[in-house]
């Protein structure tokens, strides 16, 4: 018995090409987190500059419960810490 290749029923049927479905991610979350980090770093820098200014007033430092050296050490930390 011979096989006829012209018969389309004898070949496996092919499905049309479909792209792989991946979960959709939002790039907004990344930008939002970055903006939040930048705002947080800016606020830390502002607070540490104010603490640096307070380091000269021993009465205010006493109210905060800090020594002058502790205030200076905190004020000189990098903004990301």
C-alpha atoms as a PDB file:
ATOM      1  CA  UNK A   1       0.000   0.000   0.000  1.00  0.00           C
ATOM      2  CA  UNK A   2       1.384   3.360  -0.890  1.00  0.00           C
ATOM      3  CA  UNK A   3       1.013   6.595   1.048  1.00  0.00           C
ATOM      4  CA  UNK A   4      -0.364   9.598  -0.679  1.00  0.00           C
ATOM      5  CA  UNK A   5       1.221  12.780   0.634  1.00  0.00           C
ATOM      6  CA  UNK A   6      -1.366  14.876  -1.051  1.00  0.00           C
ATOM      7  CA  UNK A   7      -3.920  13.762   1.481  1.00  0.00           C
ATOM      8  CA  UNK A   8      -4.002  16.474   4.108  1.00  0.00           C
ATOM      9  CA  UNK A   9      -5.759  14.245   6.614  1.00  0.00           C
ATOM     10  CA  UNK A  10      -2.706  12.030   6.958  1.00  0.00           C
ATOM     11  CA  UNK A  11      -0.487  14.867   8.228  1.00  0.00           C
ATOM     12  CA  UNK A  12      -0.730  16.116  11.790  1.00  0.00           C
ATOM     13  CA  UNK A  13      -2.729  19.277  12.059  1.00  0.00           C
ATOM     14  CA  UNK A  14      -0.800  22.396  13.022  1.00  0.00           C
ATOM     15  CA  UNK A  15      -2.241  25.029  15.275  1.00  0.00           C
ATOM     16  CA  UNK A  16      -1.729  28.617  14.266  1.00  0.00           C
ATOM     17  CA  UNK A  17       1.200  30.326  15.992  1.00  0.00           C
ATOM     18  CA  UNK A  18       0.308  31.926  19.297  1.00  0.00           C
ATOM     19  CA  UNK A  19       2.616  34.059  21.426  1.00  0.00           C
ATOM     20  CA  UNK A  20       3.556  32.814  24.863  1.00  0.00           C
ATOM     21  CA  UNK A  21       1.395  34.538  27.451  1.00  0.00           C
ATOM     22  CA  UNK A  22       3.473  36.002  30.278  1.00  0.00           C
ATOM     23  CA  UNK A  23       2.098  37.756  33.319  1.00  0.00           C
ATOM     24  CA  UNK A  24       1.939  41.462  32.673  1.00  0.00           C
ATOM     25  CA  UNK A  25       4.140  43.509  34.955  1.00  0.00           C
ATOM     26  CA  UNK A  26       3.716  47.152  35.663  1.00  0.00           C
ATOM     27  CA  UNK A  27       6.744  49.396  35.332  1.00  0.00           C
ATOM     28  CA  UNK A  28       4.891  51.927  37.479  1.00  0.00           C
ATOM     29  CA  UNK A  29       5.800  49.961  40.614  1.00  0.00           C
ATOM     30  CA  UNK A  30       9.494  50.369  39.886  1.00  0.00           C
ATOM     31  CA  UNK A  31       9.178  54.113  39.275  1.00  0.00           C
ATOM     32  CA  UNK A  32       7.020  54.516  42.350  1.00  0.00           C
ATOM     33  CA  UNK A  33       9.561  52.729  44.551  1.00  0.00           C
ATOM     34  CA  UNK A  34      12.386  54.832  43.119  1.00  0.00           C
ATOM     35  CA  UNK A  35      10.503  58.074  43.709  1.00  0.00           C
ATOM     36  CA  UNK A  36       9.687  56.975  47.263  1.00  0.00           C
ATOM     37  CA  UNK A  37      13.363  56.194  47.955  1.00  0.00           C
ATOM     38  CA  UNK A  38      14.482  59.566  46.582  1.00  0.00           C
ATOM     39  CA  UNK A  39      11.946  61.403  48.734  1.00  0.00           C
ATOM     40  CA  UNK A  40      12.989  59.397  51.795  1.00  0.00           C
ATOM     41  CA  UNK A  41      16.688  60.186  51.182  1.00  0.00           C
ATOM     42  CA  UNK A  42      15.898  63.873  50.714  1.00  0.00           C
ATOM     43  CA  UNK A  43      13.963  63.950  53.977  1.00  0.00           C
ATOM     44  CA  UNK A  44      16.803  62.218  55.841  1.00  0.00           C
ATOM     45  CA  UNK A  45      19.276  64.760  54.517  1.00  0.00           C
ATOM     46  CA  UNK A  46      17.025  67.627  55.606  1.00  0.00           C
ATOM     47  CA  UNK A  47      16.567  66.166  59.098  1.00  0.00           C
ATOM     48  CA  UNK A  48      20.282  65.528  59.517  1.00  0.00           C
ATOM     49  CA  UNK A  49      21.109  69.085  58.457  1.00  0.00           C
ATOM     50  CA  UNK A  50      18.675  70.339  61.101  1.00  0.00           C
ATOM     51  CA  UNK A  51      20.254  68.023  63.688  1.00  0.00           C
ATOM     52  CA  UNK A  52      23.686  69.353  62.724  1.00  0.00           C
ATOM     53  CA  UNK A  53      22.416  72.855  63.457  1.00  0.00           C
ATOM     54  CA  UNK A  54      21.048  71.700  66.821  1.00  0.00           C
ATOM     55  CA  UNK A  55      24.400  70.217  67.831  1.00  0.00           C
ATOM     56  CA  UNK A  56      25.479  73.619  69.149  1.00  0.00           C
ATOM     57  CA  UNK A  57      22.484  74.013  71.490  1.00  0.00           C
ATOM     58  CA  UNK A  58      23.071  71.726  74.466  1.00  0.00           C
ATOM     59  CA  UNK A  59      19.643  72.437  76.005  1.00  0.00           C
ATOM     60  CA  UNK A  60      17.816  71.201  72.902  1.00  0.00           C
ATOM     61  CA  UNK A  61      20.059  68.146  72.667  1.00  0.00           C
ATOM     62  CA  UNK A  62      19.313  67.391  76.313  1.00  0.00           C
ATOM     63  CA  UNK A  63      15.579  67.554  75.491  1.00  0.00           C
ATOM     64  CA  UNK A  64      16.176  65.020  72.714  1.00  0.00           C
ATOM     65  CA  UNK A  65      18.243  62.812  75.003  1.00  0.00           C
ATOM     66  CA  UNK A  66      21.356  63.049  72.810  1.00  0.00           C
ATOM     67  CA  UNK A  67      24.906  64.101  73.474  1.00  0.00           C
ATOM     68  CA  UNK A  68      26.654  66.490  71.134  1.00  0.00           C
ATOM     69  CA  UNK A  69      28.806  63.670  69.762  1.00  0.00           C
ATOM     70  CA  UNK A  70      25.778  61.438  69.100  1.00  0.00           C
ATOM     71  CA  UNK A  71      24.080  64.274  67.211  1.00  0.00           C
ATOM     72  CA  UNK A  72      27.172  64.917  65.097  1.00  0.00           C
ATOM     73  CA  UNK A  73      27.625  61.206  64.383  1.00  0.00           C
ATOM     74  CA  UNK A  74      24.001  60.893  63.279  1.00  0.00           C
ATOM     75  CA  UNK A  75      24.169  64.062  61.187  1.00  0.00           C
ATOM     76  CA  UNK A  76      27.265  62.819  59.325  1.00  0.00           C
ATOM     77  CA  UNK A  77      25.775  59.502  58.220  1.00  0.00           C
ATOM     78  CA  UNK A  78      25.314  58.980  54.461  1.00  0.00           C
ATOM     79  CA  UNK A  79      21.811  59.799  53.217  1.00  0.00           C
ATOM     80  CA  UNK A  80      20.996  56.169  52.315  1.00  0.00           C
ATOM     81  CA  UNK A  81      21.461  54.891  55.875  1.00  0.00           C
END
